[in-house]
N, C-alpha and C. Protein backbone atom coordinates (compact mmCIF):
# COMPACT_ATOMS: atom_id res chain seq x y z
N MET A 1 95.47 45.68 144.23
CA MET A 1 95.71 47.10 144.20
C MET A 1 96.84 47.46 143.23
N ILE A 2 97.88 46.63 143.18
CA ILE A 2 99.00 46.89 142.27
C ILE A 2 98.52 46.89 140.83
N ASP A 3 97.72 45.88 140.49
CA ASP A 3 97.22 45.80 139.12
C ASP A 3 96.35 47.00 138.77
N ALA A 4 95.52 47.44 139.71
CA ALA A 4 94.65 48.59 139.46
C ALA A 4 95.47 49.86 139.26
N ALA A 5 96.52 50.05 140.06
CA ALA A 5 97.37 51.24 139.93
C ALA A 5 98.09 51.26 138.59
N ILE A 6 98.70 50.14 138.22
CA ILE A 6 99.44 50.08 136.95
C ILE A 6 98.49 50.23 135.77
N SER A 7 97.37 49.56 135.84
CA SER A 7 96.39 49.65 134.76
C SER A 7 95.90 51.08 134.58
N HIS A 8 95.65 51.77 135.67
CA HIS A 8 95.18 53.16 135.57
C HIS A 8 96.23 54.05 134.91
N ILE A 9 97.46 53.93 135.36
CA ILE A 9 98.54 54.76 134.79
C ILE A 9 98.72 54.46 133.31
N ALA A 10 98.73 53.18 132.94
CA ALA A 10 98.90 52.80 131.53
C ALA A 10 97.73 53.29 130.68
N THR A 11 96.53 53.18 131.20
CA THR A 11 95.35 53.63 130.46
C THR A 11 95.39 55.14 130.23
N GLN A 12 95.76 55.89 131.26
CA GLN A 12 95.84 57.35 131.11
C GLN A 12 96.90 57.74 130.08
N LEU A 13 98.06 57.09 130.13
CA LEU A 13 99.11 57.37 129.15
C LEU A 13 98.65 56.99 127.75
N ASN A 14 98.03 55.83 127.62
CA ASN A 14 97.56 55.36 126.32
C ASN A 14 96.56 56.36 125.71
N GLN A 15 95.61 56.82 126.51
CA GLN A 15 94.62 57.79 126.02
C GLN A 15 95.29 59.08 125.57
N HIS A 16 96.29 59.51 126.35
CA HIS A 16 97.02 60.74 125.98
C HIS A 16 97.74 60.57 124.64
N LEU A 17 98.47 59.45 124.49
CA LEU A 17 99.22 59.23 123.25
C LEU A 17 98.29 59.05 122.05
N MET A 18 97.17 58.37 122.25
CA MET A 18 96.22 58.18 121.15
C MET A 18 95.63 59.53 120.71
N ARG A 19 95.30 60.39 121.68
CA ARG A 19 94.79 61.73 121.34
C ARG A 19 95.86 62.57 120.64
N THR A 20 97.07 62.54 121.20
CA THR A 20 98.16 63.37 120.67
C THR A 20 98.49 63.02 119.23
N TYR A 21 98.53 61.72 118.90
CA TYR A 21 98.96 61.30 117.56
C TYR A 21 97.80 60.84 116.68
N GLY A 22 96.55 60.99 117.15
CA GLY A 22 95.40 60.61 116.35
C GLY A 22 95.37 59.13 116.01
N LEU A 23 95.72 58.29 116.96
CA LEU A 23 95.78 56.84 116.73
C LEU A 23 94.44 56.18 116.98
N ASN A 24 94.20 55.08 116.28
CA ASN A 24 92.97 54.31 116.46
C ASN A 24 93.19 53.04 117.26
N GLU A 25 94.43 52.70 117.55
CA GLU A 25 94.70 51.49 118.32
C GLU A 25 95.62 51.80 119.49
N ASP A 26 95.56 50.94 120.50
CA ASP A 26 96.38 51.14 121.70
C ASP A 26 97.86 51.13 121.34
N VAL A 27 98.60 52.01 122.01
CA VAL A 27 100.05 52.08 121.80
C VAL A 27 100.79 51.77 123.10
N VAL A 28 100.06 51.61 124.21
CA VAL A 28 100.65 51.30 125.51
C VAL A 28 100.12 49.94 125.96
N VAL A 29 101.04 49.05 126.35
CA VAL A 29 100.64 47.74 126.87
C VAL A 29 101.35 47.49 128.19
N VAL A 30 100.66 46.83 129.10
CA VAL A 30 101.28 46.38 130.35
C VAL A 30 101.72 44.95 130.10
N SER A 31 103.03 44.72 130.13
CA SER A 31 103.55 43.41 129.75
C SER A 31 105.02 43.29 130.10
N ASN A 32 105.50 42.07 130.11
CA ASN A 32 106.94 41.83 130.05
C ASN A 32 107.35 42.03 128.61
N ILE A 33 108.60 42.33 128.39
CA ILE A 33 109.09 42.47 127.02
C ILE A 33 109.35 41.08 126.43
N LEU A 34 109.84 40.18 127.28
CA LEU A 34 110.12 38.81 126.85
C LEU A 34 109.17 37.84 127.52
N GLU A 35 108.84 36.79 126.80
CA GLU A 35 108.09 35.67 127.37
C GLU A 35 109.04 34.87 128.26
N GLN A 36 108.50 33.95 129.03
CA GLN A 36 109.34 33.13 129.92
C GLN A 36 110.37 32.29 129.16
N ASP A 37 110.08 31.93 127.92
CA ASP A 37 111.03 31.13 127.13
C ASP A 37 112.11 31.99 126.47
N GLY A 38 112.08 33.31 126.69
CA GLY A 38 113.09 34.20 126.14
C GLY A 38 112.70 34.85 124.82
N ALA A 39 111.59 34.44 124.23
CA ALA A 39 111.13 35.04 122.98
C ALA A 39 110.48 36.39 123.26
N VAL A 40 110.61 37.29 122.30
CA VAL A 40 109.98 38.60 122.44
C VAL A 40 108.46 38.40 122.41
N ALA A 41 107.79 39.04 123.35
CA ALA A 41 106.33 38.98 123.38
C ALA A 41 105.79 39.59 122.08
N THR A 42 104.89 38.88 121.43
CA THR A 42 104.43 39.31 120.11
C THR A 42 103.59 40.58 120.14
N HIS A 43 102.94 40.86 121.23
CA HIS A 43 102.03 42.01 121.30
C HIS A 43 102.71 43.31 121.71
N VAL A 44 104.04 43.33 121.83
CA VAL A 44 104.73 44.54 122.28
C VAL A 44 105.38 45.32 121.14
N ASN A 45 105.35 44.79 119.93
CA ASN A 45 106.00 45.46 118.81
C ASN A 45 105.33 46.80 118.52
N ASN A 46 106.15 47.84 118.39
CA ASN A 46 105.70 49.21 118.14
C ASN A 46 104.76 49.72 119.23
N LYS A 47 105.14 49.45 120.47
CA LYS A 47 104.35 49.86 121.63
C LYS A 47 105.28 50.44 122.71
N ILE A 48 104.68 51.21 123.60
CA ILE A 48 105.32 51.57 124.85
C ILE A 48 104.94 50.46 125.82
N VAL A 49 105.93 49.77 126.35
CA VAL A 49 105.70 48.63 127.22
C VAL A 49 105.90 49.06 128.67
N VAL A 50 104.87 48.86 129.50
CA VAL A 50 104.93 49.20 130.91
C VAL A 50 105.16 47.90 131.68
N SER A 51 106.28 47.84 132.40
CA SER A 51 106.63 46.64 133.16
C SER A 51 106.91 47.00 134.61
N LEU A 52 106.40 46.19 135.50
CA LEU A 52 106.71 46.34 136.92
C LEU A 52 108.06 45.70 137.16
N VAL A 53 109.04 46.47 137.65
CA VAL A 53 110.37 45.93 137.85
C VAL A 53 110.75 45.79 139.33
N ASN A 54 109.95 46.38 140.23
CA ASN A 54 110.23 46.21 141.66
C ASN A 54 109.06 46.72 142.48
N ILE A 55 108.90 46.11 143.66
CA ILE A 55 107.93 46.54 144.65
C ILE A 55 108.70 46.77 145.93
N GLU A 56 108.52 47.93 146.55
CA GLU A 56 109.28 48.29 147.74
C GLU A 56 108.33 48.82 148.80
N LYS A 57 108.49 48.35 150.03
CA LYS A 57 107.69 48.89 151.14
C LYS A 57 108.19 50.28 151.47
N ASP A 58 107.25 51.21 151.60
CA ASP A 58 107.57 52.58 151.97
C ASP A 58 107.29 52.73 153.46
N SER A 59 108.32 52.93 154.24
CA SER A 59 108.15 52.98 155.69
C SER A 59 107.92 54.40 156.22
N VAL A 60 108.00 55.40 155.39
CA VAL A 60 107.85 56.78 155.85
C VAL A 60 106.48 57.07 156.44
N PRO A 61 105.36 56.72 155.75
CA PRO A 61 104.06 57.09 156.33
C PRO A 61 103.54 56.08 157.34
N TYR A 62 104.37 55.21 157.85
CA TYR A 62 103.94 54.14 158.74
C TYR A 62 103.39 54.65 160.07
N ARG A 63 102.27 54.09 160.49
CA ARG A 63 101.68 54.40 161.78
C ARG A 63 101.52 53.11 162.56
N GLN A 64 101.63 53.17 163.87
CA GLN A 64 101.57 51.98 164.70
C GLN A 64 100.21 51.31 164.72
N GLN A 65 99.16 52.03 165.03
CA GLN A 65 97.85 51.43 165.14
C GLN A 65 96.80 52.35 164.57
N ASN A 66 95.75 51.73 164.14
CA ASN A 66 94.57 52.48 163.71
C ASN A 66 93.45 52.14 164.67
N ALA A 67 92.92 53.10 165.32
CA ALA A 67 91.78 52.88 166.20
C ALA A 67 90.63 53.74 165.70
N SER A 68 89.47 53.15 165.65
CA SER A 68 88.31 53.93 165.26
C SER A 68 87.15 53.51 166.15
N SER A 69 86.20 54.39 166.26
CA SER A 69 85.10 54.09 167.16
C SER A 69 84.03 53.30 166.45
N VAL A 70 83.34 52.46 167.23
CA VAL A 70 82.23 51.65 166.73
C VAL A 70 80.97 52.04 167.48
N GLY A 71 80.98 53.09 168.13
CA GLY A 71 79.84 53.52 168.94
C GLY A 71 80.39 54.25 170.15
N ALA A 72 79.49 54.61 171.01
CA ALA A 72 79.90 55.39 172.17
C ALA A 72 80.73 54.57 173.15
N ALA A 73 80.53 53.25 173.19
CA ALA A 73 81.17 52.46 174.24
C ALA A 73 82.32 51.59 173.76
N ARG A 74 82.51 51.42 172.43
CA ARG A 74 83.53 50.49 171.95
C ARG A 74 84.38 51.13 170.85
N SER A 75 85.59 50.65 170.74
CA SER A 75 86.46 51.03 169.63
C SER A 75 87.12 49.76 169.10
N VAL A 76 87.61 49.83 167.88
CA VAL A 76 88.29 48.69 167.27
C VAL A 76 89.71 49.11 166.92
N VAL A 77 90.60 48.13 166.91
CA VAL A 77 91.98 48.35 166.52
C VAL A 77 92.24 47.47 165.30
N THR A 78 92.78 48.06 164.25
CA THR A 78 93.11 47.33 163.03
C THR A 78 94.60 47.43 162.78
N ASN A 79 95.09 46.56 161.92
CA ASN A 79 96.48 46.68 161.50
C ASN A 79 96.65 47.96 160.71
N PRO A 80 97.80 48.59 160.82
CA PRO A 80 98.01 49.82 160.06
C PRO A 80 98.12 49.49 158.57
N PRO A 81 97.76 50.45 157.72
CA PRO A 81 97.93 50.22 156.28
C PRO A 81 99.41 50.06 155.94
N ILE A 82 99.68 49.37 154.84
CA ILE A 82 101.05 49.21 154.35
C ILE A 82 101.15 50.02 153.06
N TYR A 83 102.19 50.82 152.95
CA TYR A 83 102.39 51.66 151.78
C TYR A 83 103.52 51.08 150.94
N PHE A 84 103.30 51.05 149.62
CA PHE A 84 104.29 50.50 148.71
C PHE A 84 104.68 51.51 147.65
N ASN A 85 105.91 51.38 147.18
CA ASN A 85 106.38 52.07 146.00
C ASN A 85 106.50 51.03 144.91
N LEU A 86 106.03 51.37 143.74
CA LEU A 86 106.17 50.50 142.57
C LEU A 86 107.19 51.14 141.64
N TYR A 87 108.05 50.33 141.07
CA TYR A 87 108.99 50.83 140.07
C TYR A 87 108.52 50.35 138.71
N LEU A 88 108.12 51.31 137.87
CA LEU A 88 107.60 50.99 136.55
C LEU A 88 108.57 51.43 135.47
N MET A 89 108.87 50.50 134.57
CA MET A 89 109.71 50.80 133.41
C MET A 89 108.79 51.04 132.22
N PHE A 90 108.98 52.17 131.57
CA PHE A 90 108.28 52.49 130.33
C PHE A 90 109.31 52.38 129.23
N ALA A 91 109.20 51.34 128.41
CA ALA A 91 110.19 51.08 127.37
C ALA A 91 109.56 51.21 125.99
N SER A 92 110.31 51.78 125.09
CA SER A 92 109.85 52.00 123.72
C SER A 92 110.33 50.84 122.85
N TYR A 93 109.42 49.93 122.52
CA TYR A 93 109.79 48.76 121.71
C TYR A 93 109.42 49.01 120.24
N PHE A 94 110.20 49.85 119.60
CA PHE A 94 110.04 50.16 118.18
C PHE A 94 111.36 49.81 117.52
N SER A 95 111.35 48.87 116.60
CA SER A 95 112.61 48.40 116.03
C SER A 95 112.75 48.81 114.56
N GLY A 96 113.93 48.60 114.05
CA GLY A 96 114.22 48.86 112.64
C GLY A 96 113.96 50.30 112.26
N ASN A 97 113.20 50.48 111.19
CA ASN A 97 112.90 51.82 110.69
C ASN A 97 112.00 52.62 111.61
N ASN A 98 111.39 51.97 112.59
CA ASN A 98 110.49 52.65 113.52
C ASN A 98 111.20 53.16 114.78
N TYR A 99 112.51 53.00 114.85
CA TYR A 99 113.26 53.38 116.05
C TYR A 99 113.03 54.85 116.41
N GLN A 100 113.13 55.73 115.43
CA GLN A 100 112.95 57.16 115.70
C GLN A 100 111.52 57.46 116.14
N GLU A 101 110.55 56.73 115.61
CA GLU A 101 109.15 56.87 116.04
C GLU A 101 109.05 56.52 117.53
N GLY A 102 109.77 55.49 117.93
CA GLY A 102 109.79 55.08 119.33
C GLY A 102 110.37 56.15 120.24
N LEU A 103 111.39 56.85 119.75
CA LEU A 103 111.97 57.94 120.53
C LEU A 103 110.95 59.05 120.74
N LYS A 104 110.14 59.29 119.73
CA LYS A 104 109.08 60.29 119.83
C LYS A 104 108.07 59.88 120.92
N PHE A 105 107.70 58.60 120.94
CA PHE A 105 106.72 58.13 121.92
C PHE A 105 107.27 58.14 123.34
N ILE A 106 108.54 57.77 123.52
CA ILE A 106 109.11 57.77 124.88
C ILE A 106 109.28 59.22 125.34
N SER A 107 109.63 60.11 124.44
CA SER A 107 109.76 61.53 124.78
C SER A 107 108.40 62.09 125.22
N ASN A 108 107.35 61.73 124.51
CA ASN A 108 106.02 62.22 124.86
C ASN A 108 105.53 61.59 126.16
N THR A 109 105.96 60.36 126.44
CA THR A 109 105.63 59.71 127.72
C THR A 109 106.21 60.52 128.87
N ILE A 110 107.47 60.90 128.74
CA ILE A 110 108.13 61.71 129.77
C ILE A 110 107.43 63.06 129.93
N SER A 111 107.08 63.69 128.82
CA SER A 111 106.38 64.98 128.88
C SER A 111 105.03 64.84 129.58
N TYR A 112 104.31 63.75 129.28
CA TYR A 112 103.00 63.56 129.89
C TYR A 112 103.12 63.43 131.41
N PHE A 113 104.04 62.60 131.88
CA PHE A 113 104.17 62.41 133.33
C PHE A 113 104.82 63.62 134.02
N GLN A 114 105.51 64.46 133.27
CA GLN A 114 106.02 65.70 133.85
C GLN A 114 104.84 66.63 134.12
N SER A 115 103.86 66.63 133.24
CA SER A 115 102.70 67.51 133.42
C SER A 115 101.60 66.86 134.26
N GLN A 116 101.61 65.54 134.37
CA GLN A 116 100.58 64.79 135.12
C GLN A 116 101.29 63.81 136.05
N ALA A 117 101.97 64.34 137.06
CA ALA A 117 102.76 63.49 137.96
C ALA A 117 101.95 62.92 139.12
N VAL A 118 100.74 63.43 139.32
CA VAL A 118 99.90 62.97 140.43
C VAL A 118 98.53 62.58 139.88
N PHE A 119 98.10 61.38 140.26
CA PHE A 119 96.75 60.93 139.94
C PHE A 119 96.01 60.77 141.27
N ASP A 120 94.85 61.41 141.36
CA ASP A 120 94.03 61.26 142.57
C ASP A 120 92.57 61.18 142.15
N GLN A 121 91.69 61.09 143.13
CA GLN A 121 90.26 60.92 142.82
C GLN A 121 89.67 62.17 142.15
N GLN A 122 90.27 63.34 142.34
CA GLN A 122 89.75 64.56 141.72
C GLN A 122 90.11 64.64 140.24
N ASN A 123 91.37 64.37 139.90
CA ASN A 123 91.77 64.51 138.49
C ASN A 123 91.66 63.21 137.71
N SER A 124 91.34 62.10 138.38
CA SER A 124 91.17 60.80 137.73
C SER A 124 89.95 60.10 138.30
N PRO A 125 88.76 60.56 137.95
CA PRO A 125 87.55 59.99 138.55
C PRO A 125 87.37 58.50 138.28
N GLY A 126 87.99 57.96 137.25
CA GLY A 126 87.87 56.53 136.95
C GLY A 126 88.82 55.65 137.74
N MET A 127 89.66 56.25 138.59
CA MET A 127 90.63 55.47 139.35
C MET A 127 89.92 54.64 140.41
N ASN A 128 90.47 53.47 140.68
CA ASN A 128 89.93 52.57 141.70
C ASN A 128 89.72 53.34 143.00
N LYS A 129 88.55 53.19 143.61
CA LYS A 129 88.20 53.94 144.82
C LYS A 129 89.08 53.60 146.02
N ASN A 130 89.76 52.46 145.98
CA ASN A 130 90.66 52.09 147.07
C ASN A 130 92.03 52.76 146.96
N ILE A 131 92.26 53.46 145.86
CA ILE A 131 93.52 54.18 145.67
C ILE A 131 93.26 55.65 145.92
N ASN A 132 93.94 56.21 146.89
CA ASN A 132 93.77 57.61 147.21
C ASN A 132 94.57 58.50 146.26
N LYS A 133 95.83 58.14 146.05
CA LYS A 133 96.72 58.99 145.26
C LYS A 133 97.88 58.16 144.74
N LEU A 134 98.33 58.47 143.52
CA LEU A 134 99.53 57.89 142.93
C LEU A 134 100.43 59.04 142.50
N ILE A 135 101.68 58.98 142.92
CA ILE A 135 102.64 60.04 142.62
C ILE A 135 103.80 59.43 141.84
N LEU A 136 104.09 59.95 140.66
CA LEU A 136 105.16 59.43 139.82
C LEU A 136 106.38 60.33 139.88
N ASP A 137 107.53 59.74 140.15
CA ASP A 137 108.81 60.44 140.15
C ASP A 137 109.79 59.68 139.27
N VAL A 138 110.52 60.40 138.42
CA VAL A 138 111.56 59.77 137.61
C VAL A 138 112.64 59.24 138.55
N GLU A 139 113.09 58.05 138.28
CA GLU A 139 114.12 57.41 139.08
C GLU A 139 115.39 57.34 138.24
N ASN A 140 116.47 57.95 138.71
CA ASN A 140 117.72 57.92 137.98
C ASN A 140 118.51 56.66 138.33
N LEU A 141 119.09 56.05 137.32
CA LEU A 141 119.93 54.88 137.52
C LEU A 141 121.32 55.15 136.97
N SER A 142 122.33 54.66 137.67
CA SER A 142 123.69 54.75 137.13
C SER A 142 123.77 53.81 135.92
N MET A 143 124.79 53.97 135.11
CA MET A 143 124.97 53.09 133.95
C MET A 143 125.07 51.63 134.39
N ASN A 144 125.75 51.38 135.49
CA ASN A 144 125.89 50.02 136.00
C ASN A 144 124.53 49.45 136.43
N ASP A 145 123.76 50.24 137.18
CA ASP A 145 122.43 49.79 137.61
C ASP A 145 121.50 49.59 136.41
N LEU A 146 121.60 50.48 135.44
CA LEU A 146 120.79 50.36 134.23
C LEU A 146 121.15 49.08 133.47
N SER A 147 122.43 48.81 133.36
CA SER A 147 122.89 47.59 132.69
C SER A 147 122.38 46.35 133.42
N ASN A 148 122.46 46.37 134.74
CA ASN A 148 121.97 45.23 135.52
C ASN A 148 120.47 45.04 135.34
N LEU A 149 119.72 46.14 135.36
CA LEU A 149 118.27 46.04 135.20
C LEU A 149 117.91 45.47 133.83
N TRP A 150 118.55 45.98 132.78
CA TRP A 150 118.24 45.45 131.44
C TRP A 150 118.73 44.02 131.28
N GLY A 151 119.77 43.65 131.98
CA GLY A 151 120.20 42.25 131.96
C GLY A 151 119.13 41.34 132.54
N ILE A 152 118.47 41.81 133.59
CA ILE A 152 117.38 41.04 134.21
C ILE A 152 116.16 41.01 133.29
N LEU A 153 115.84 42.15 132.67
CA LEU A 153 114.62 42.25 131.86
C LEU A 153 114.71 41.54 130.52
N SER A 154 115.80 41.76 129.81
CA SER A 154 115.86 41.17 128.47
C SER A 154 117.27 41.06 127.91
N GLY A 155 118.20 41.75 128.51
CA GLY A 155 119.56 41.70 128.00
C GLY A 155 119.85 42.73 126.93
N LYS A 156 118.83 43.34 126.32
CA LYS A 156 119.05 44.33 125.27
C LYS A 156 118.34 45.62 125.65
N TYR A 157 119.11 46.68 125.69
CA TYR A 157 118.57 47.98 126.08
C TYR A 157 117.56 48.49 125.06
N LEU A 158 116.52 49.11 125.58
CA LEU A 158 115.55 49.84 124.78
C LEU A 158 115.44 51.25 125.35
N PRO A 159 115.15 52.25 124.52
CA PRO A 159 114.93 53.58 125.07
C PRO A 159 113.81 53.48 126.13
N SER A 160 114.11 54.00 127.31
CA SER A 160 113.18 53.78 128.42
C SER A 160 113.36 54.81 129.50
N VAL A 161 112.38 54.82 130.41
CA VAL A 161 112.45 55.68 131.59
C VAL A 161 111.85 54.88 132.74
N LEU A 162 112.46 55.03 133.91
CA LEU A 162 112.00 54.32 135.11
C LEU A 162 111.34 55.33 136.04
N TYR A 163 110.13 54.98 136.50
CA TYR A 163 109.40 55.83 137.44
C TYR A 163 109.16 55.07 138.74
N LYS A 164 109.27 55.82 139.81
CA LYS A 164 108.87 55.33 141.13
C LYS A 164 107.45 55.85 141.35
N VAL A 165 106.53 54.93 141.60
CA VAL A 165 105.14 55.29 141.86
C VAL A 165 104.89 55.12 143.34
N ARG A 166 104.64 56.23 144.03
CA ARG A 166 104.44 56.21 145.48
C ARG A 166 102.97 56.18 145.86
N MET A 167 102.72 55.65 147.05
CA MET A 167 101.42 55.68 147.71
C MET A 167 100.43 54.63 147.23
N VAL A 168 100.91 53.46 146.91
CA VAL A 168 100.00 52.34 146.69
C VAL A 168 99.79 51.73 148.06
N THR A 169 98.57 51.77 148.55
CA THR A 169 98.26 51.42 149.94
C THR A 169 97.48 50.13 150.02
N TYR A 170 97.91 49.28 150.92
CA TYR A 170 97.14 48.09 151.26
C TYR A 170 96.57 48.28 152.64
N ASP A 171 95.27 48.24 152.75
CA ASP A 171 94.60 48.39 154.03
C ASP A 171 93.45 47.41 154.07
N ALA A 172 93.69 46.25 154.66
CA ALA A 172 92.67 45.20 154.72
C ALA A 172 91.56 45.57 155.69
N SER A 173 91.81 46.51 156.58
CA SER A 173 90.84 46.92 157.60
C SER A 173 90.32 45.74 158.41
N THR A 174 91.17 44.76 158.61
CA THR A 174 90.80 43.60 159.41
C THR A 174 90.86 43.99 160.89
N VAL A 175 89.80 43.72 161.61
CA VAL A 175 89.74 44.08 163.02
C VAL A 175 90.63 43.14 163.81
N LYS A 176 91.59 43.70 164.55
CA LYS A 176 92.45 42.91 165.43
C LYS A 176 91.78 42.66 166.76
N LYS A 177 91.13 43.68 167.27
CA LYS A 177 90.44 43.52 168.56
C LYS A 177 89.44 44.64 168.75
N GLN A 178 88.47 44.39 169.61
CA GLN A 178 87.53 45.40 170.04
C GLN A 178 87.77 45.63 171.51
N ALA A 179 87.66 46.84 171.92
CA ALA A 179 87.91 47.16 173.32
C ALA A 179 86.92 48.22 173.78
N PRO A 180 86.63 48.21 175.08
CA PRO A 180 85.77 49.27 175.58
C PRO A 180 86.48 50.60 175.41
N ARG A 181 85.72 51.60 175.07
CA ARG A 181 86.27 52.93 174.87
C ARG A 181 86.63 53.51 176.23
N LEU A 182 87.82 54.02 176.32
CA LEU A 182 88.27 54.65 177.56
C LEU A 182 87.74 56.07 177.59
N SER A 183 87.21 56.42 178.71
CA SER A 183 86.73 57.80 178.84
C SER A 183 87.38 58.43 180.05
N ARG A 184 87.55 59.71 179.96
CA ARG A 184 88.13 60.45 181.08
C ARG A 184 87.02 60.77 182.07
N PRO A 185 87.36 60.70 183.37
CA PRO A 185 86.34 61.08 184.36
C PRO A 185 85.98 62.55 184.21
N GLU A 186 84.72 62.85 184.40
CA GLU A 186 84.25 64.22 184.33
C GLU A 186 84.87 65.02 185.47
N PRO A 187 85.37 66.20 185.21
CA PRO A 187 85.93 67.00 186.29
C PRO A 187 84.84 67.44 187.26
N SER A 188 85.20 67.42 188.50
CA SER A 188 84.25 67.79 189.55
C SER A 188 84.21 69.32 189.66
N LEU A 189 82.99 69.83 189.75
CA LEU A 189 82.85 71.28 189.88
C LEU A 189 82.79 71.71 191.33
N SER A 190 82.67 70.75 192.23
CA SER A 190 82.62 71.12 193.64
C SER A 190 84.04 71.24 194.21
N HIS A 191 84.19 72.07 195.19
CA HIS A 191 85.51 72.28 195.81
C HIS A 191 85.65 71.46 197.02
């Protein structure tokens, strides 16, 4: 589900940027900025790089149990869905003489998500059917937190914006148990 959510967001942004600037090649990639050996990933040059920097359980929409009926006489109990927030970094990897071009792309990225902050099945028919809704919110970081994050990612700051993506849901719908359906006794009409 995480891969489907990130892929959908990156694809939508990529299509927007390609239309806006009349590009023939992808300008958005889902990737780390650095390879595991510390070298810059070769496919990120002159791109907006989308990186997952954190996964957080969202406890706000938590429900204890899910019960649904399986017929008139039985019901099933499943584990409740788990809701996650994803933290996505959109970084502009444009170096040298292309630095200002990169600022243009990161600025347009912010504008796009300001106007398209919610993806759902109505406005994104190509979205994975297991995803109900994705909501993007800009996440502010202090200079210290920003420095720590870039230290973890690559050690060198790039123009970037961090978004919190809410409502990535995991629901295995695994049946925990089946139980007879409880029914209330019919009220007696006699006195």
